[in-house]
Protein backbone atom coordinates (compact mmCIF):
# COMPACT_ATOMS: atom_id res chain seq x y z
CA MET A 1 -12.29 -19.95 -23.01
CA SER A 2 -10.42 -19.64 -26.31
CA LEU A 3 -6.70 -20.34 -26.46
CA HIS A 4 -6.01 -16.71 -27.41
CA LEU A 5 -7.94 -15.40 -24.41
CA GLN A 6 -6.15 -17.85 -22.10
CA ARG A 7 -2.83 -16.52 -23.35
CA GLN A 8 -3.96 -12.95 -22.74
CA ILE A 9 -5.12 -13.80 -19.21
CA ASN A 10 -1.79 -15.47 -18.48
CA ARG A 11 0.06 -12.45 -19.85
CA LEU A 12 -2.00 -10.11 -17.67
CA LYS A 13 -1.29 -12.28 -14.64
CA ASP A 14 2.45 -12.14 -15.30
CA MET A 15 2.34 -8.37 -15.77
CA ILE A 16 0.35 -7.58 -12.61
CA LEU A 17 2.48 -9.92 -10.50
CA ALA A 18 5.67 -8.31 -11.85
CA LEU A 19 4.28 -4.88 -11.00
CA GLY A 20 3.27 -6.09 -7.54
CA THR A 21 6.76 -7.41 -6.87
CA LEU A 22 8.36 -4.14 -7.95
CA VAL A 23 5.97 -2.08 -5.81
CA GLU A 24 6.55 -4.32 -2.79
CA GLU A 25 10.32 -3.99 -3.19
CA ASN A 26 10.13 -0.21 -3.51
CA THR A 27 7.83 0.10 -0.49
CA GLU A 28 10.16 -2.07 1.58
CA ALA A 29 13.09 0.10 0.48
CA ALA A 30 11.23 3.28 1.46
CA ILE A 31 10.50 1.87 4.92
CA ARG A 32 14.13 0.80 5.38
CA ALA A 33 15.28 4.24 4.24
CA ILE A 34 13.15 5.87 6.96
CA GLU A 35 14.24 3.37 9.61
CA THR A 36 17.95 3.74 8.81
CA ARG A 37 17.90 7.36 7.57
CA ASP A 38 19.51 6.19 4.31
CA ALA A 39 19.46 9.03 1.79
CA LYS A 40 20.85 6.94 -1.10
CA LEU A 41 18.20 4.28 -0.63
CA ALA A 42 15.49 6.95 -0.50
CA ALA A 43 16.78 8.47 -3.74
CA ALA A 44 16.66 5.05 -5.42
CA VAL A 45 13.01 4.65 -4.37
CA ILE A 46 12.13 8.00 -5.92
CA GLU A 47 14.01 7.24 -9.13
CA ARG A 48 12.34 3.83 -9.56
CA ASP A 49 8.87 5.38 -9.51
CA ASN A 50 9.02 6.25 -13.21
CA GLU A 51 9.49 2.58 -14.08
CA ILE A 52 6.49 1.66 -11.93
CA ASP A 53 4.37 4.34 -13.57
CA GLN A 54 5.21 2.97 -17.02
CA LYS A 55 4.37 -0.60 -15.98
CA GLU A 56 1.04 0.60 -14.59
CA ILE A 57 0.23 2.17 -17.97
CA ASP A 58 1.26 -1.04 -19.75
CA VAL A 59 -1.05 -3.17 -17.58
CA GLU A 60 -3.99 -0.83 -18.14
CA GLU A 61 -3.50 -0.82 -21.89
CA GLU A 62 -3.25 -4.63 -21.93
CA CYS A 63 -6.49 -4.92 -19.93
CA LEU A 64 -8.34 -2.60 -22.29
CA HIS A 65 -6.94 -4.41 -25.32
CA THR A 66 -8.11 -7.76 -23.90
CA LEU A 67 -11.60 -6.44 -23.13
CA ALA A 68 -12.01 -4.95 -26.61
CA LEU A 69 -10.56 -7.87 -28.54
CA HIS A 70 -11.97 -10.88 -26.67
CA GLN A 71 -15.12 -9.60 -24.90
CA PRO A 72 -14.61 -11.97 -21.94
CA VAL A 73 -17.43 -13.08 -19.63
CA ALA A 74 -17.89 -14.66 -16.18
CA PHE A 75 -14.63 -15.32 -14.30
CA ASP A 76 -12.42 -13.95 -17.07
CA LEU A 77 -14.29 -10.65 -17.06
CA ARG A 78 -14.11 -10.43 -13.24
CA TYR A 79 -10.40 -11.16 -13.39
CA ILE A 80 -9.64 -8.39 -15.89
CA VAL A 81 -11.79 -5.83 -14.06
CA ALA A 82 -10.07 -6.72 -10.79
CA VAL A 83 -6.62 -6.44 -12.39
CA LEU A 84 -7.50 -2.94 -13.59
CA LYS A 85 -8.40 -1.93 -10.03
CA ILE A 86 -5.41 -3.65 -8.43
CA ASN A 87 -3.16 -1.99 -10.99
CA ASN A 88 -4.36 1.42 -9.78
CA ASP A 89 -3.90 0.49 -6.12
CA LEU A 90 -0.35 -0.69 -6.75
CA GLU A 91 0.53 2.58 -8.47
CA ARG A 92 -0.90 4.53 -5.53
CA ILE A 93 1.12 2.42 -3.07
CA ALA A 94 4.24 3.25 -5.09
CA ASP A 95 3.39 6.97 -4.88
CA LEU A 96 2.97 6.70 -1.10
CA ALA A 97 6.34 4.94 -0.86
CA VAL A 98 7.87 7.91 -2.68
CA ASN A 99 6.18 10.27 -0.22
CA ILE A 100 7.83 8.36 2.63
CA ALA A 101 11.23 8.37 0.91
CA GLU A 102 11.00 12.13 0.38
CA LYS A 103 10.91 12.64 4.18
CA VAL A 104 14.28 10.94 4.71
CA GLU A 105 16.51 13.92 3.91
CA PHE A 106 14.57 16.17 6.28
CA LEU A 107 14.72 13.58 9.08
CA ILE A 108 18.48 13.17 8.59
CA LYS A 109 18.96 16.90 9.14
CA ASN A 110 16.45 17.13 11.99
CA ARG A 111 16.78 14.23 14.42
CA ALA A 112 13.97 13.77 16.91
CA PRO A 113 14.78 15.09 20.40
CA THR A 114 14.97 12.52 23.18
CA GLY A 115 11.68 11.85 24.91
CA ILE A 116 9.25 12.34 22.04
CA PRO A 117 6.94 9.31 22.13
CA PHE A 118 6.91 8.49 18.43
CA ASP A 119 7.75 4.94 17.42
CA LEU A 120 7.10 3.48 13.94
CA PRO A 121 8.37 -0.13 14.14
CA GLN A 122 5.06 -1.73 15.10
CA MET A 123 3.22 0.10 12.34
CA THR A 124 5.83 -0.66 9.67
CA GLN A 125 5.78 -4.35 10.65
CA LYS A 126 2.02 -4.59 10.20
CA VAL A 127 1.98 -2.61 6.93
CA ARG A 128 4.77 -4.76 5.49
CA ALA A 129 2.82 -7.90 6.40
CA MET A 130 -0.44 -6.56 4.94
CA LEU A 131 1.16 -5.68 1.61
CA LYS A 132 2.94 -9.03 1.36
CA GLN A 133 -0.22 -10.95 2.29
CA SER A 134 -2.35 -9.04 -0.21
CA LEU A 135 0.10 -9.93 -2.99
CA ASP A 136 0.32 -13.55 -1.79
CA ALA A 137 -3.47 -13.66 -1.96
CA LEU A 138 -3.29 -12.31 -5.52
CA VAL A 139 -0.68 -14.88 -6.60
CA ASN A 140 -2.70 -17.78 -5.20
CA LEU A 141 -6.20 -16.29 -5.62
CA ASP A 142 -6.63 -17.07 -1.91
CA PRO A 143 -9.62 -15.34 -0.26
CA GLU A 144 -8.61 -16.60 3.20
CA ILE A 145 -5.31 -14.71 3.13
CA ALA A 146 -7.20 -11.70 1.76
CA GLU A 147 -9.52 -11.81 4.80
CA VAL A 148 -6.50 -11.68 7.13
CA VAL A 149 -5.44 -8.44 5.42
CA ARG A 150 -8.91 -6.95 5.91
CA ARG A 151 -8.89 -7.79 9.62
CA THR A 152 -5.47 -6.24 10.22
CA ASP A 153 -6.48 -2.84 8.86
CA ASP A 154 -8.20 -1.73 12.08
CA GLU A 155 -4.97 -2.37 14.01
CA VAL A 156 -3.02 -0.07 11.68
CA ASP A 157 -5.72 2.60 11.92
CA LEU A 158 -5.52 2.47 15.73
CA ILE A 159 -1.73 2.86 15.73
CA HIS A 160 -2.03 5.89 13.45
CA ARG A 161 -4.64 7.49 15.71
CA GLN A 162 -2.42 6.91 18.73
CA MET A 163 0.52 8.47 16.91
CA TYR A 164 -1.63 11.49 16.10
CA GLN A 165 -2.38 11.91 19.81
CA HIS A 166 1.31 11.56 20.70
CA VAL A 167 2.29 14.16 18.13
CA LYS A 168 -0.40 16.59 19.25
CA GLN A 169 0.83 16.32 22.82
CA ALA A 170 4.48 16.62 21.78
CA ILE A 171 3.78 19.79 19.78
CA ARG A 172 2.28 21.38 22.90
CA GLN A 173 5.31 20.40 24.94
CA ASN A 174 7.91 21.19 22.28
CA PRO A 175 6.45 23.77 19.85
CA GLU A 176 9.89 24.39 18.38
CA ASP A 177 9.80 20.85 16.95
CA VAL A 178 6.50 21.26 15.11
CA GLU A 179 7.94 20.84 11.59
CA LEU A 180 9.78 17.66 12.55
CA LEU A 181 6.72 16.22 14.26
CA VAL A 182 4.45 16.99 11.31
CA ASN A 183 6.89 15.20 8.99
CA LEU A 184 6.88 12.16 11.27
CA LEU A 185 3.09 12.19 11.34
CA SER A 186 3.10 12.36 7.53
CA VAL A 187 5.14 9.14 7.43
CA SER A 188 2.53 7.49 9.65
CA ARG A 189 -0.28 8.76 7.45
CA ASN A 190 1.36 7.41 4.30
CA LEU A 191 1.85 4.01 5.94
CA GLU A 192 -1.81 4.00 6.95
CA ARG A 193 -2.81 4.75 3.37
CA ILE A 194 -0.59 1.91 2.06
CA ALA A 195 -2.49 -0.41 4.40
CA ASP A 196 -5.79 0.87 2.97
CA HIS A 197 -4.66 0.07 -0.58
CA ALA A 198 -3.49 -3.38 0.53
CA VAL A 199 -7.05 -3.94 1.79
CA ASN A 200 -8.41 -2.81 -1.59
CA ILE A 201 -6.20 -5.40 -3.30
CA ALA A 202 -7.35 -8.08 -0.87
CA GLU A 203 -10.99 -7.24 -1.54
CA ASP A 204 -10.41 -7.42 -5.28
CA VAL A 205 -8.85 -10.87 -4.83
CA ILE A 206 -12.04 -11.95 -3.03
CA TYR A 207 -14.04 -10.50 -5.93
CA MET A 208 -11.91 -12.47 -8.40
CA ALA A 209 -12.25 -15.71 -6.48
CA LYS A 210 -15.84 -15.54 -5.28
CA GLY A 211 -17.58 -12.69 -7.09
CA ASP A 212 -18.31 -10.90 -3.78
CA ILE A 213 -18.04 -7.09 -3.73
CA LEU A 214 -16.85 -6.05 -0.25
CA ARG A 215 -15.52 -2.53 -0.76
CA HIS A 216 -18.54 -0.92 0.95
CA SER A 217 -19.12 -3.57 3.59
CA ARG A 218 -16.19 -2.93 5.90
CA THR A 219 -16.93 -2.74 9.61
CA HIS A 220 -14.46 -0.76 11.66
CA VAL A 221 -14.04 -0.98 15.41
CA ILE A 222 -13.11 2.53 16.54
CA PRO A 223 -11.47 2.34 19.98
CA LYS A 224 -11.39 5.38 22.19
CA THR A 225 -8.17 7.32 22.02
CA PRO A 226 -6.79 9.31 24.94
CA GLN A 227 -8.45 12.67 25.39
CA SER A 228 -6.20 15.69 25.54
């Protein structure tokens, strides 16, 4: 590898890690805003999205510039292609965090009635861990951590399906609360999608490290959910 290409690769690494840190912080803030019903924190998440969007554009332009100027091969080419894909996943995670933050004001005005079986803590804990682990895997180019993220995804999917069943039942019992329940389900759906993007990042780390393409080789265990 030439010295100029090495510098470009190092610059790309710094840029994607900086973007990952910003996205992780904004996602954490969105989750805290939902948990604490903090309107100011939610507004800050929404406002920060423009900065994330600009950084995503900067990373993409730097990747394209590096490909055109240096024509990398082997590991360097895999790395740049993976960074392009991870860059897109990080931007999508940021958008999903904004979606979550946008629900805060409605949930402040419409508190859930007692007795509705809808609890997010377990899901938020797993999604937080998956996002952190996917970025740790990226920092260290660690395929073992990336595999942990892939395995956790089925657990998040199951929690979301269970929440869907709870909401469906609650709507039948309390039809006057349908708008509130749909908003809560939307939070769950956005968390589930963040987990999916964390898996994408993990799979791209495995591609970087080993050259294996795993995006179409996922096996999902689909447990039975309660019938209504």
